[in-house]
C-alpha atoms as a PDB file:
ATOM      1  CA  UNK A   1    -160.486  29.746   4.187  1.00  0.00           C
ATOM      2  CA  UNK A   2    -163.028  27.922   6.278  1.00  0.00           C
ATOM      3  CA  UNK A   3    -163.143  28.740  10.002  1.00  0.00           C
ATOM      4  CA  UNK A   4    -160.881  26.750  12.298  1.00  0.00           C
ATOM      5  CA  UNK A   5    -162.412  23.666  13.865  1.00  0.00           C
ATOM      6  CA  UNK A   6    -161.994  25.179  17.347  1.00  0.00           C
ATOM      7  CA  UNK A   7    -161.594  28.782  18.475  1.00  0.00           C
ATOM      8  CA  UNK A   8    -158.066  29.155  19.859  1.00  0.00           C
ATOM      9  CA  UNK A   9    -157.385  31.286  22.895  1.00  0.00           C
ATOM     10  CA  UNK A  10    -155.788  34.644  22.167  1.00  0.00           C
ATOM     11  CA  UNK A  11    -152.688  35.179  24.296  1.00  0.00           C
ATOM     12  CA  UNK A  12    -152.359  38.569  25.961  1.00  0.00           C
ATOM     13  CA  UNK A  13    -148.575  38.505  25.586  1.00  0.00           C
ATOM     14  CA  UNK A  14    -146.390  37.607  22.665  1.00  0.00           C
ATOM     15  CA  UNK A  15    -145.073  34.039  22.923  1.00  0.00           C
ATOM     16  CA  UNK A  16    -141.493  33.697  24.119  1.00  0.00           C
ATOM     17  CA  UNK A  17    -138.655  32.027  22.276  1.00  0.00           C
ATOM     18  CA  UNK A  18    -135.742  30.618  24.206  1.00  0.00           C
ATOM     19  CA  UNK A  19    -132.441  29.610  22.646  1.00  0.00           C
ATOM     20  CA  UNK A  20    -131.163  26.470  24.370  1.00  0.00           C
ATOM     21  CA  UNK A  21    -128.998  25.427  21.433  1.00  0.00           C
ATOM     22  CA  UNK A  22    -125.200  25.090  21.806  1.00  0.00           C
ATOM     23  CA  UNK A  23    -124.909  28.683  20.576  1.00  0.00           C
ATOM     24  CA  UNK A  24    -127.509  30.032  22.971  1.00  0.00           C
ATOM     25  CA  UNK A  25    -126.646  27.871  25.948  1.00  0.00           C
ATOM     26  CA  UNK A  26    -129.054  26.485  28.514  1.00  0.00           C
ATOM     27  CA  UNK A  27    -128.946  29.487  30.812  1.00  0.00           C
ATOM     28  CA  UNK A  28    -131.935  31.185  32.382  1.00  0.00           C
ATOM     29  CA  UNK A  29    -132.418  34.149  30.059  1.00  0.00           C
ATOM     30  CA  UNK A  30    -135.083  34.203  27.391  1.00  0.00           C
ATOM     31  CA  UNK A  31    -134.349  35.345  23.854  1.00  0.00           C
ATOM     32  CA  UNK A  32    -135.634  38.842  24.681  1.00  0.00           C
ATOM     33  CA  UNK A  33    -133.403  39.116  27.761  1.00  0.00           C
ATOM     34  CA  UNK A  34    -136.099  38.455  30.371  1.00  0.00           C
ATOM     35  CA  UNK A  35    -135.848  35.763  33.000  1.00  0.00           C
ATOM     36  CA  UNK A  36    -138.431  32.959  32.828  1.00  0.00           C
ATOM     37  CA  UNK A  37    -141.396  33.452  35.127  1.00  0.00           C
ATOM     38  CA  UNK A  38    -142.180  30.942  37.827  1.00  0.00           C
ATOM     39  CA  UNK A  39    -144.298  27.997  36.912  1.00  0.00           C
ATOM     40  CA  UNK A  40    -146.828  28.751  39.646  1.00  0.00           C
ATOM     41  CA  UNK A  41    -147.906  31.970  37.961  1.00  0.00           C
ATOM     42  CA  UNK A  42    -151.000  32.007  35.788  1.00  0.00           C
ATOM     43  CA  UNK A  43    -151.098  33.522  32.313  1.00  0.00           C
ATOM     44  CA  UNK A  44    -154.103  35.606  31.348  1.00  0.00           C
ATOM     45  CA  UNK A  45    -155.506  34.690  27.955  1.00  0.00           C
ATOM     46  CA  UNK A  46    -158.570  35.571  25.938  1.00  0.00           C
ATOM     47  CA  UNK A  47    -161.026  33.220  24.329  1.00  0.00           C
ATOM     48  CA  UNK A  48    -161.948  33.399  20.679  1.00  0.00           C
ATOM     49  CA  UNK A  49    -164.935  35.610  21.500  1.00  0.00           C
ATOM     50  CA  UNK A  50    -162.702  38.203  23.119  1.00  0.00           C
ATOM     51  CA  UNK A  51    -163.850  37.550  26.688  1.00  0.00           C
ATOM     52  CA  UNK A  52    -161.026  37.398  29.255  1.00  0.00           C
ATOM     53  CA  UNK A  53    -160.113  34.047  30.751  1.00  0.00           C
ATOM     54  CA  UNK A  54    -157.293  32.406  32.654  1.00  0.00           C
ATOM     55  CA  UNK A  55    -155.453  29.152  32.327  1.00  0.00           C
ATOM     56  CA  UNK A  56    -153.289  27.273  34.783  1.00  0.00           C
ATOM     57  CA  UNK A  57    -150.865  26.456  31.985  1.00  0.00           C
ATOM     58  CA  UNK A  58    -147.775  28.642  32.292  1.00  0.00           C
ATOM     59  CA  UNK A  59    -146.544  30.289  29.098  1.00  0.00           C
ATOM     60  CA  UNK A  60    -142.849  29.878  29.806  1.00  0.00           C
ATOM     61  CA  UNK A  61    -139.790  28.236  28.401  1.00  0.00           C
ATOM     62  CA  UNK A  62    -137.788  25.840  30.502  1.00  0.00           C
ATOM     63  CA  UNK A  63    -134.101  25.156  30.279  1.00  0.00           C
ATOM     64  CA  UNK A  64    -133.296  22.026  28.328  1.00  0.00           C
ATOM     65  CA  UNK A  65    -130.399  21.264  30.632  1.00  0.00           C
ATOM     66  CA  UNK A  66    -128.154  18.485  29.416  1.00  0.00           C
ATOM     67  CA  UNK A  67    -128.640  15.230  31.275  1.00  0.00           C
ATOM     68  CA  UNK A  68    -126.008  12.689  32.068  1.00  0.00           C
ATOM     69  CA  UNK A  69    -125.779  10.124  29.260  1.00  0.00           C
ATOM     70  CA  UNK A  70    -127.060   7.411  31.612  1.00  0.00           C
ATOM     71  CA  UNK A  71    -130.215   9.449  32.233  1.00  0.00           C
ATOM     72  CA  UNK A  72    -131.299   9.386  28.592  1.00  0.00           C
ATOM     73  CA  UNK A  73    -134.351   7.236  27.999  1.00  0.00           C
ATOM     74  CA  UNK A  74    -132.842   4.029  26.613  1.00  0.00           C
ATOM     75  CA  UNK A  75    -136.094   2.989  24.952  1.00  0.00           C
ATOM     76  CA  UNK A  76    -136.362   6.316  23.119  1.00  0.00           C
ATOM     77  CA  UNK A  77    -132.794   5.972  21.828  1.00  0.00           C
ATOM     78  CA  UNK A  78    -133.528   2.419  20.723  1.00  0.00           C
ATOM     79  CA  UNK A  79    -136.562   3.647  18.788  1.00  0.00           C
ATOM     80  CA  UNK A  80    -134.519   6.456  17.247  1.00  0.00           C
ATOM     81  CA  UNK A  81    -131.931   3.943  16.011  1.00  0.00           C
ATOM     82  CA  UNK A  82    -134.668   1.688  14.632  1.00  0.00           C
ATOM     83  CA  UNK A  83    -136.311   4.577  12.775  1.00  0.00           C
ATOM     84  CA  UNK A  84    -132.948   5.726  11.409  1.00  0.00           C
ATOM     85  CA  UNK A  85    -132.138   2.195  10.255  1.00  0.00           C
ATOM     86  CA  UNK A  86    -135.356   2.045   8.232  1.00  0.00           C
ATOM     87  CA  UNK A  87    -135.153   5.546   6.766  1.00  0.00           C
ATOM     88  CA  UNK A  88    -134.517   5.916   3.051  1.00  0.00           C
ATOM     89  CA  UNK A  89    -134.035   9.636   2.511  1.00  0.00           C
ATOM     90  CA  UNK A  90    -132.681  10.346  -0.981  1.00  0.00           C
ATOM     91  CA  UNK A  91    -130.118  13.047  -1.610  1.00  0.00           C
ATOM     92  CA  UNK A  92    -131.434  16.251  -3.205  1.00  0.00           C
ATOM     93  CA  UNK A  93    -131.580  16.126  -6.988  1.00  0.00           C
ATOM     94  CA  UNK A  94    -128.832  17.922  -8.904  1.00  0.00           C
ATOM     95  CA  UNK A  95    -130.253  20.201 -11.548  1.00  0.00           C
ATOM     96  CA  UNK A  96    -129.455  23.326 -13.475  1.00  0.00           C
ATOM     97  CA  UNK A  97    -130.256  25.601 -10.565  1.00  0.00           C
ATOM     98  CA  UNK A  98    -127.920  23.852  -8.128  1.00  0.00           C
ATOM     99  CA  UNK A  99    -125.376  26.199  -6.607  1.00  0.00           C
ATOM    100  CA  UNK A 100    -121.852  25.559  -7.851  1.00  0.00           C
ATOM    101  CA  UNK A 101    -118.355  26.167  -6.588  1.00  0.00           C
ATOM    102  CA  UNK A 102    -118.499  24.066  -3.406  1.00  0.00           C
ATOM    103  CA  UNK A 103    -119.872  20.759  -2.238  1.00  0.00           C
ATOM    104  CA  UNK A 104    -119.584  17.390  -3.989  1.00  0.00           C
ATOM    105  CA  UNK A 105    -118.001  16.838  -7.408  1.00  0.00           C
ATOM    106  CA  UNK A 106    -120.726  16.168  -9.966  1.00  0.00           C
ATOM    107  CA  UNK A 107    -121.085  15.897 -13.747  1.00  0.00           C
ATOM    108  CA  UNK A 108    -123.176  18.845 -14.902  1.00  0.00           C
ATOM    109  CA  UNK A 109    -123.929  20.684 -18.176  1.00  0.00           C
ATOM    110  CA  UNK A 110    -121.319  23.256 -19.181  1.00  0.00           C
ATOM    111  CA  UNK A 111    -122.237  26.847 -18.366  1.00  0.00           C
ATOM    112  CA  UNK A 112    -119.019  28.718 -19.023  1.00  0.00           C
ATOM    113  CA  UNK A 113    -117.262  27.657 -15.833  1.00  0.00           C
ATOM    114  CA  UNK A 114    -115.214  24.487 -15.426  1.00  0.00           C
ATOM    115  CA  UNK A 115    -112.902  23.186 -18.163  1.00  0.00           C
ATOM    116  CA  UNK A 116    -112.718  19.695 -16.599  1.00  0.00           C
ATOM    117  CA  UNK A 117    -114.675  17.817 -19.279  1.00  0.00           C
ATOM    118  CA  UNK A 118    -116.345  14.513 -18.450  1.00  0.00           C
ATOM    119  CA  UNK A 119    -115.462  12.770 -21.729  1.00  0.00           C
ATOM    120  CA  UNK A 120    -117.636   9.679 -21.258  1.00  0.00           C
ATOM    121  CA  UNK A 121    -120.778  11.675 -20.472  1.00  0.00           C
ATOM    122  CA  UNK A 122    -120.032  14.201 -23.221  1.00  0.00           C
ATOM    123  CA  UNK A 123    -119.617  11.476 -25.856  1.00  0.00           C
ATOM    124  CA  UNK A 124    -122.947   9.995 -24.788  1.00  0.00           C
ATOM    125  CA  UNK A 125    -124.574  13.370 -25.352  1.00  0.00           C
ATOM    126  CA  UNK A 126    -122.901  13.839 -28.742  1.00  0.00           C
ATOM    127  CA  UNK A 127    -124.209  10.516 -30.040  1.00  0.00           C
ATOM    128  CA  UNK A 128    -127.736  11.837 -29.452  1.00  0.00           C
ATOM    129  CA  UNK A 129    -127.029  15.396 -30.596  1.00  0.00           C
ATOM    130  CA  UNK A 130    -124.551  15.445 -33.532  1.00  0.00           C
ATOM    131  CA  UNK A 131    -124.811  19.237 -33.636  1.00  0.00           C
ATOM    132  CA  UNK A 132    -124.142  19.999 -29.975  1.00  0.00           C
ATOM    133  CA  UNK A 133    -125.249  22.931 -27.893  1.00  0.00           C
ATOM    134  CA  UNK A 134    -123.123  24.250 -25.044  1.00  0.00           C
ATOM    135  CA  UNK A 135    -125.138  22.244 -22.532  1.00  0.00           C
ATOM    136  CA  UNK A 136    -124.346  19.010 -24.366  1.00  0.00           C
ATOM    137  CA  UNK A 137    -120.790  19.375 -23.079  1.00  0.00           C
ATOM    138  CA  UNK A 138    -120.629  17.766 -19.619  1.00  0.00           C
ATOM    139  CA  UNK A 139    -118.040  19.011 -17.122  1.00  0.00           C
ATOM    140  CA  UNK A 140    -117.084  18.139 -13.566  1.00  0.00           C
ATOM    141  CA  UNK A 141    -117.803  20.800 -10.954  1.00  0.00           C
ATOM    142  CA  UNK A 142    -118.422  20.984  -7.267  1.00  0.00           C
ATOM    143  CA  UNK A 143    -122.160  21.309  -6.693  1.00  0.00           C
ATOM    144  CA  UNK A 144    -123.934  22.074  -3.443  1.00  0.00           C
ATOM    145  CA  UNK A 145    -126.849  19.722  -2.785  1.00  0.00           C
ATOM    146  CA  UNK A 146    -127.453  20.564   0.849  1.00  0.00           C
ATOM    147  CA  UNK A 147    -130.972  20.808   2.224  1.00  0.00           C
ATOM    148  CA  UNK A 148    -131.974  23.092   5.070  1.00  0.00           C
ATOM    149  CA  UNK A 149    -134.632  21.394   7.188  1.00  0.00           C
ATOM    150  CA  UNK A 150    -136.409  22.938  10.173  1.00  0.00           C
ATOM    151  CA  UNK A 151    -138.062  20.309  12.366  1.00  0.00           C
ATOM    152  CA  UNK A 152    -140.896  21.617  14.556  1.00  0.00           C
ATOM    153  CA  UNK A 153    -141.839  19.268  17.392  1.00  0.00           C
ATOM    154  CA  UNK A 154    -145.012  19.634  19.448  1.00  0.00           C
ATOM    155  CA  UNK A 155    -144.383  19.354  23.214  1.00  0.00           C
ATOM    156  CA  UNK A 156    -147.732  20.701  24.396  1.00  0.00           C
ATOM    157  CA  UNK A 157    -149.796  19.004  27.072  1.00  0.00           C
ATOM    158  CA  UNK A 158    -151.599  16.781  24.584  1.00  0.00           C
ATOM    159  CA  UNK A 159    -148.285  15.215  23.512  1.00  0.00           C
ATOM    160  CA  UNK A 160    -147.476  13.488  26.813  1.00  0.00           C
ATOM    161  CA  UNK A 161    -146.404   9.880  27.256  1.00  0.00           C
ATOM    162  CA  UNK A 162    -145.802   7.753  24.168  1.00  0.00           C
ATOM    163  CA  UNK A 163    -146.233  10.760  21.908  1.00  0.00           C
ATOM    164  CA  UNK A 164    -143.199  12.442  23.444  1.00  0.00           C
ATOM    165  CA  UNK A 165    -141.112   9.302  22.966  1.00  0.00           C
ATOM    166  CA  UNK A 166    -142.143   9.103  19.322  1.00  0.00           C
ATOM    167  CA  UNK A 167    -141.343  12.801  18.829  1.00  0.00           C
ATOM    168  CA  UNK A 168    -137.928  12.525  20.496  1.00  0.00           C
ATOM    169  CA  UNK A 169    -137.092   9.346  18.565  1.00  0.00           C
ATOM    170  CA  UNK A 170    -138.039  11.114  15.311  1.00  0.00           C
ATOM    171  CA  UNK A 171    -135.700  13.998  16.151  1.00  0.00           C
ATOM    172  CA  UNK A 172    -132.833  11.605  16.899  1.00  0.00           C
ATOM    173  CA  UNK A 173    -133.405   9.580  13.737  1.00  0.00           C
ATOM    174  CA  UNK A 174    -133.553  12.619  11.447  1.00  0.00           C
ATOM    175  CA  UNK A 175    -130.460  14.143  13.043  1.00  0.00           C
ATOM    176  CA  UNK A 176    -128.589  10.889  12.373  1.00  0.00           C
ATOM    177  CA  UNK A 177    -129.877  10.653   8.797  1.00  0.00           C
ATOM    178  CA  UNK A 178    -129.386  14.281   7.721  1.00  0.00           C
ATOM    179  CA  UNK A 179    -125.746  14.631   8.748  1.00  0.00           C
ATOM    180  CA  UNK A 180    -124.895  16.086   5.321  1.00  0.00           C
ATOM    181  CA  UNK A 181    -127.710  18.627   5.527  1.00  0.00           C
ATOM    182  CA  UNK A 182    -128.496  21.596   7.762  1.00  0.00           C
ATOM    183  CA  UNK A 183    -131.036  20.683  10.446  1.00  0.00           C
ATOM    184  CA  UNK A 184    -132.696  23.037  12.923  1.00  0.00           C
ATOM    185  CA  UNK A 185    -134.878  21.682  15.736  1.00  0.00           C
ATOM    186  CA  UNK A 186    -137.533  23.747  17.514  1.00  0.00           C
ATOM    187  CA  UNK A 187    -139.759  22.413  20.301  1.00  0.00           C
ATOM    188  CA  UNK A 188    -142.990  24.279  20.941  1.00  0.00           C
ATOM    189  CA  UNK A 189    -146.158  24.496  22.999  1.00  0.00           C
ATOM    190  CA  UNK A 190    -147.676  27.964  23.664  1.00  0.00           C
ATOM    191  CA  UNK A 191    -144.055  29.185  23.504  1.00  0.00           C
ATOM    192  CA  UNK A 192    -140.988  27.606  21.896  1.00  0.00           C
ATOM    193  CA  UNK A 193    -137.363  26.621  22.413  1.00  0.00           C
ATOM    194  CA  UNK A 194    -134.628  26.355  19.780  1.00  0.00           C
ATOM    195  CA  UNK A 195    -132.644  23.147  20.359  1.00  0.00           C
ATOM    196  CA  UNK A 196    -130.442  23.537  17.265  1.00  0.00           C
ATOM    197  CA  UNK A 197    -129.991  26.244  14.651  1.00  0.00           C
ATOM    198  CA  UNK A 198    -129.282  25.626  10.978  1.00  0.00           C
ATOM    199  CA  UNK A 199    -125.579  24.933  10.529  1.00  0.00           C
ATOM    200  CA  UNK A 200    -125.034  23.613  14.042  1.00  0.00           C
ATOM    201  CA  UNK A 201    -123.934  20.000  14.284  1.00  0.00           C
ATOM    202  CA  UNK A 202    -125.637  18.728  17.432  1.00  0.00           C
ATOM    203  CA  UNK A 203    -125.237  14.987  18.157  1.00  0.00           C
ATOM    204  CA  UNK A 204    -128.538  13.056  17.890  1.00  0.00           C
ATOM    205  CA  UNK A 205    -128.228  11.836  21.489  1.00  0.00           C
ATOM    206  CA  UNK A 206    -127.934  15.406  22.751  1.00  0.00           C
ATOM    207  CA  UNK A 207    -131.048  16.462  20.846  1.00  0.00           C
ATOM    208  CA  UNK A 208    -132.968  13.532  22.335  1.00  0.00           C
ATOM    209  CA  UNK A 209    -131.739  14.507  25.804  1.00  0.00           C
ATOM    210  CA  UNK A 210    -132.853  18.095  25.288  1.00  0.00           C
ATOM    211  CA  UNK A 211    -136.276  16.983  24.063  1.00  0.00           C
ATOM    212  CA  UNK A 212    -136.857  14.688  27.032  1.00  0.00           C
ATOM    213  CA  UNK A 213    -135.699  17.381  29.476  1.00  0.00           C
ATOM    214  CA  UNK A 214    -138.631  19.615  28.480  1.00  0.00           C
ATOM    215  CA  UNK A 215    -141.886  18.466  30.122  1.00  0.00           C
ATOM    216  CA  UNK A 216    -144.843  18.211  27.759  1.00  0.00           C
ATOM    217  CA  UNK A 217    -147.386  20.755  28.968  1.00  0.00           C
ATOM    218  CA  UNK A 218    -149.294  23.863  28.064  1.00  0.00           C
ATOM    219  CA  UNK A 219    -151.441  24.951  25.146  1.00  0.00           C
ATOM    220  CA  UNK A 220    -150.623  24.344  21.484  1.00  0.00           C
ATOM    221  CA  UNK A 221    -149.671  27.413  19.456  1.00  0.00           C
ATOM    222  CA  UNK A 222    -148.852  26.074  15.984  1.00  0.00           C
ATOM    223  CA  UNK A 223    -148.551  29.558  14.477  1.00  0.00           C
ATOM    224  CA  UNK A 224    -145.550  30.601  16.562  1.00  0.00           C
ATOM    225  CA  UNK A 225    -143.090  27.867  15.500  1.00  0.00           C
ATOM    226  CA  UNK A 226    -144.044  28.442  11.860  1.00  0.00           C
ATOM    227  CA  UNK A 227    -142.980  32.074  12.293  1.00  0.00           C
ATOM    228  CA  UNK A 228    -139.743  30.999  13.985  1.00  0.00           C
ATOM    229  CA  UNK A 229    -139.039  28.555  11.143  1.00  0.00           C
ATOM    230  CA  UNK A 230    -139.509  31.298   8.566  1.00  0.00           C
ATOM    231  CA  UNK A 231    -136.962  33.467  10.353  1.00  0.00           C
ATOM    232  CA  UNK A 232    -134.561  30.528  10.575  1.00  0.00           C
ATOM    233  CA  UNK A 233    -134.816  30.014   6.806  1.00  0.00           C
ATOM    234  CA  UNK A 234    -134.662  33.714   5.912  1.00  0.00           C
ATOM    235  CA  UNK A 235    -131.207  33.442   4.306  1.00  0.00           C
ATOM    236  CA  UNK A 236    -131.713  30.065   2.670  1.00  0.00           C
ATOM    237  CA  UNK A 237    -132.745  29.807  -1.010  1.00  0.00           C
ATOM    238  CA  UNK A 238    -136.302  28.481  -1.265  1.00  0.00           C
ATOM    239  CA  UNK A 239    -135.191  25.519  -3.380  1.00  0.00           C
ATOM    240  CA  UNK A 240    -133.041  24.238  -0.502  1.00  0.00           C
ATOM    241  CA  UNK A 241    -135.490  24.903   2.340  1.00  0.00           C
ATOM    242  CA  UNK A 242    -138.295  22.911   3.942  1.00  0.00           C
ATOM    243  CA  UNK A 243    -140.127  22.691   7.260  1.00  0.00           C
ATOM    244  CA  UNK A 244    -141.400  19.500   8.893  1.00  0.00           C
ATOM    245  CA  UNK A 245    -144.078  19.744  11.591  1.00  0.00           C
ATOM    246  CA  UNK A 246    -144.653  16.829  13.992  1.00  0.00           C
ATOM    247  CA  UNK A 247    -147.867  17.503  15.915  1.00  0.00           C
ATOM    248  CA  UNK A 248    -151.456  16.481  16.579  1.00  0.00           C
ATOM    249  CA  UNK A 249    -152.335  19.925  15.099  1.00  0.00           C
ATOM    250  CA  UNK A 250    -154.773  20.635  17.940  1.00  0.00           C
ATOM    251  CA  UNK A 251    -154.158  24.383  17.707  1.00  0.00           C
ATOM    252  CA  UNK A 252    -155.778  26.028  20.755  1.00  0.00           C
ATOM    253  CA  UNK A 253    -153.752  29.199  21.336  1.00  0.00           C
ATOM    254  CA  UNK A 254    -152.574  32.056  19.142  1.00  0.00           C
ATOM    255  CA  UNK A 255    -153.472  33.246  15.620  1.00  0.00           C
ATOM    256  CA  UNK A 256    -154.546  31.094  12.697  1.00  0.00           C
ATOM    257  CA  UNK A 257    -151.428  29.123  11.655  1.00  0.00           C
ATOM    258  CA  UNK A 258    -152.577  28.695   8.066  1.00  0.00           C
ATOM    259  CA  UNK A 259    -151.536  32.253   7.235  1.00  0.00           C
ATOM    260  CA  UNK A 260    -147.962  31.474   8.235  1.00  0.00           C
ATOM    261  CA  UNK A 261    -147.889  28.067   6.518  1.00  0.00           C
ATOM    262  CA  UNK A 262    -148.463  29.781   3.164  1.00  0.00           C
ATOM    263  CA  UNK A 263    -145.338  31.927   3.680  1.00  0.00           C
ATOM    264  CA  UNK A 264    -142.967  28.965   4.003  1.00  0.00           C
ATOM    265  CA  UNK A 265    -141.077  27.508   1.028  1.00  0.00           C
ATOM    266  CA  UNK A 266    -142.466  24.076   1.900  1.00  0.00           C
ATOM    267  CA  UNK A 267    -144.280  22.599   4.898  1.00  0.00           C
ATOM    268  CA  UNK A 268    -144.773  18.868   5.441  1.00  0.00           C
ATOM    269  CA  UNK A 269    -146.880  17.462   8.268  1.00  0.00           C
ATOM    270  CA  UNK A 270    -146.391  14.331  10.371  1.00  0.00           C
ATOM    271  CA  UNK A 271    -149.773  14.048  12.097  1.00  0.00           C
ATOM    272  CA  UNK A 272    -149.745  12.067  15.343  1.00  0.00           C
ATOM    273  CA  UNK A 273    -153.028  10.114  15.406  1.00  0.00           C
ATOM    274  CA  UNK A 274    -152.617   8.261  18.714  1.00  0.00           C
ATOM    275  CA  UNK A 275    -155.018  10.608  20.522  1.00  0.00           C
ATOM    276  CA  UNK A 276    -156.866  13.862  19.935  1.00  0.00           C
ATOM    277  CA  UNK A 277    -156.004  15.372  16.584  1.00  0.00           C
ATOM    278  CA  UNK A 278    -157.175  17.904  14.002  1.00  0.00           C
ATOM    279  CA  UNK A 279    -156.769  16.306  10.556  1.00  0.00           C
ATOM    280  CA  UNK A 280    -158.611  19.168   8.839  1.00  0.00           C
ATOM    281  CA  UNK A 281    -156.089  21.736  10.013  1.00  0.00           C
ATOM    282  CA  UNK A 282    -153.219  19.365   9.206  1.00  0.00           C
ATOM    283  CA  UNK A 283    -154.564  19.013   5.652  1.00  0.00           C
ATOM    284  CA  UNK A 284    -154.897  22.778   5.251  1.00  0.00           C
ATOM    285  CA  UNK A 285    -151.366  23.407   6.528  1.00  0.00           C
ATOM    286  CA  UNK A 286    -149.825  20.862   4.162  1.00  0.00           C
ATOM    287  CA  UNK A 287    -151.816  22.182   1.198  1.00  0.00           C
ATOM    288  CA  UNK A 288    -150.949  25.817   1.862  1.00  0.00           C
ATOM    289  CA  UNK A 289    -147.328  24.850   2.523  1.00  0.00           C
ATOM    290  CA  UNK A 290    -147.118  22.906  -0.763  1.00  0.00           C
ATOM    291  CA  UNK A 291    -146.067  19.800   1.154  1.00  0.00           C
ATOM    292  CA  UNK A 292    -147.309  16.361   2.116  1.00  0.00           C
ATOM    293  CA  UNK A 293    -149.402  15.112   5.012  1.00  0.00           C
ATOM    294  CA  UNK A 294    -148.586  11.713   6.484  1.00  0.00           C
ATOM    295  CA  UNK A 295    -150.091  10.130   9.574  1.00  0.00           C
ATOM    296  CA  UNK A 296    -148.157   8.273  12.260  1.00  0.00           C
ATOM    297  CA  UNK A 297    -149.847   6.086  14.854  1.00  0.00           C
ATOM    298  CA  UNK A 298    -146.772   4.434  16.348  1.00  0.00           C
ATOM    299  CA  UNK A 299    -143.046   5.055  16.065  1.00  0.00           C
ATOM    300  CA  UNK A 300    -142.916   2.262  13.473  1.00  0.00           C
ATOM    301  CA  UNK A 301    -144.899   4.488  11.090  1.00  0.00           C
ATOM    302  CA  UNK A 302    -142.311   7.282  11.215  1.00  0.00           C
ATOM    303  CA  UNK A 303    -139.644   5.855   8.892  1.00  0.00           C
ATOM    304  CA  UNK A 304    -141.938   5.121   5.902  1.00  0.00           C
ATOM    305  CA  UNK A 305    -143.726   8.446   6.386  1.00  0.00           C
ATOM    306  CA  UNK A 306    -140.459  10.416   6.406  1.00  0.00           C
ATOM    307  CA  UNK A 307    -139.058   8.457   3.451  1.00  0.00           C
ATOM    308  CA  UNK A 308    -142.177   9.323   1.460  1.00  0.00           C
ATOM    309  CA  UNK A 309    -142.048  13.003   2.431  1.00  0.00           C
ATOM    310  CA  UNK A 310    -138.382  13.390   1.454  1.00  0.00           C
ATOM    311  CA  UNK A 311    -138.891  11.515  -1.809  1.00  0.00           C
ATOM    312  CA  UNK A 312    -140.343  14.702  -3.315  1.00  0.00           C
END
């Protein structure tokens, strides 16, 4: 692989992950049991050359304490509803590898299970294949067509202002659209915070609240959330799993994220182009993650970009 566009700082300590999801609560303890350090402290880091350096940006995780409903940014919620209203995310395709025994009732080829024959579909098959095979018999079975989606949202210092609103609105819109799927949401900067785990049903408004409660600051460590996403998807079949990264991809802290992108079942990129950005790294991540790269300049670009990404 070609060298990264910029040399990221090497952190002297492992990044911290905080669980502020409904399961983890919004208490003060980090995932490893430590208490968050004060924001006034400085974190020692190392430049790409190995020389020591310091940064005023604190590598900490803040509590995403729930706000009162009236405190939620009304404009962000309006944008989330607009994005959701324009989304056209198709359901996952049913195919021979779909898991059976639970989920929605579907007409599928016979494989020695159900005896509930779909006569109309079977007769259609027999007109084309007078000498039928087993799979020409169509039966009704319950088939699971649930996706597992991990949404990684950049809340580093470069994502302040309108970028944060677009990111939060995207989270709210996807949470509203993917109610029949499993959605995990992870916010990140040099560290990360889990806002929702796979299988948790967190209301879209609450996710937006949690996003807006975390101030955008710090360095951008794209590698860390990719590692967290892989752990989140560890028990999910690859065919049902995908990761979506919303970021400017200005990776300036931590190891090369491309190594971790290649280990994911699929990685799609929503590249925010409203300010500084790294399209070369975004392209590499999408290619290695066998996904798509789509650019968003305003919140109005989000719905068509997401619809295109989920169309494949």
